[in-house]
Amino acid sequence: MDKTRDSSEGEGPTAYSRGMRWEALFDDLEGQWLAEERRERDADVADRTRAERVRVLLVERLAGSLGCQLTFTLTGAETIVGTLDDLGADWLLLTDDVGHEIIVATGSVIAITGLSRSIDPAATARRFTMGYALRALARDRATVILTDTAGGRVAGTIDAVGKDWCDISEHPVDEARRPGQVRARRTVPTAAIVTVRKAGRSRFVPA
């Protein structure tokens, strides 16, 4: 009886110790399983993120940056810093530090600094093109300064806008368009336009 009791008392601590070792093993296995699950989840998220990013257009990233100050490098090595106020199918509307509004042809953009990485599904571009925006300026009879892809610069009033061109009557920026002030009438292909900036402080309001 004493021998049996002694034997069972000897086995008790051993069984308990073995139980702790198995528990620790299971804890370690669970930790490995959770770590592997996190790695798979992170890899799945990364794959979905890459797949979603492939479908994102530049115009969508620009729409997500409305109200942000951005730096644009344009054709002809021109650099413009301004707040992105509006955008359309192929144009951007910026306001620079002194309050001048500038329409930028999206096709003339070489690089953008400061663009948000987030996409706002609620923010969208206007559907009309640069030509429609130019017609709004022509109706406004605003004095503008137009730059082109060759680095040319002309000041005057936009008189007419066609499907892929506009006519601008050249005159001094500090003079209204009058027959006696018009020096020349220049036709510029829309594809050659880099920027159109309003010479005054009146606001550009897309129709």
Foldseek 3Di string as FASTA:
>chain_A
DVVVVVVVVVVVVVVVVVVVVVVVVVVVVVVVVVVVVVVVVVVVVVVVVVVVVVPDDPQQLVLVQQQHWKWFQFQVRDIATFGFHAAEPFWTWGAGPVQWIKIFGNVGTPDMPPGDPDGDPVGHHHHDDPLLLLVLQLVVQFWKWWAWNVRDIFIAGWPDGDPFKTKGFGFDNVDRDDPVGGDDIDIDGNNGTGMIIGSDNDDRDRD
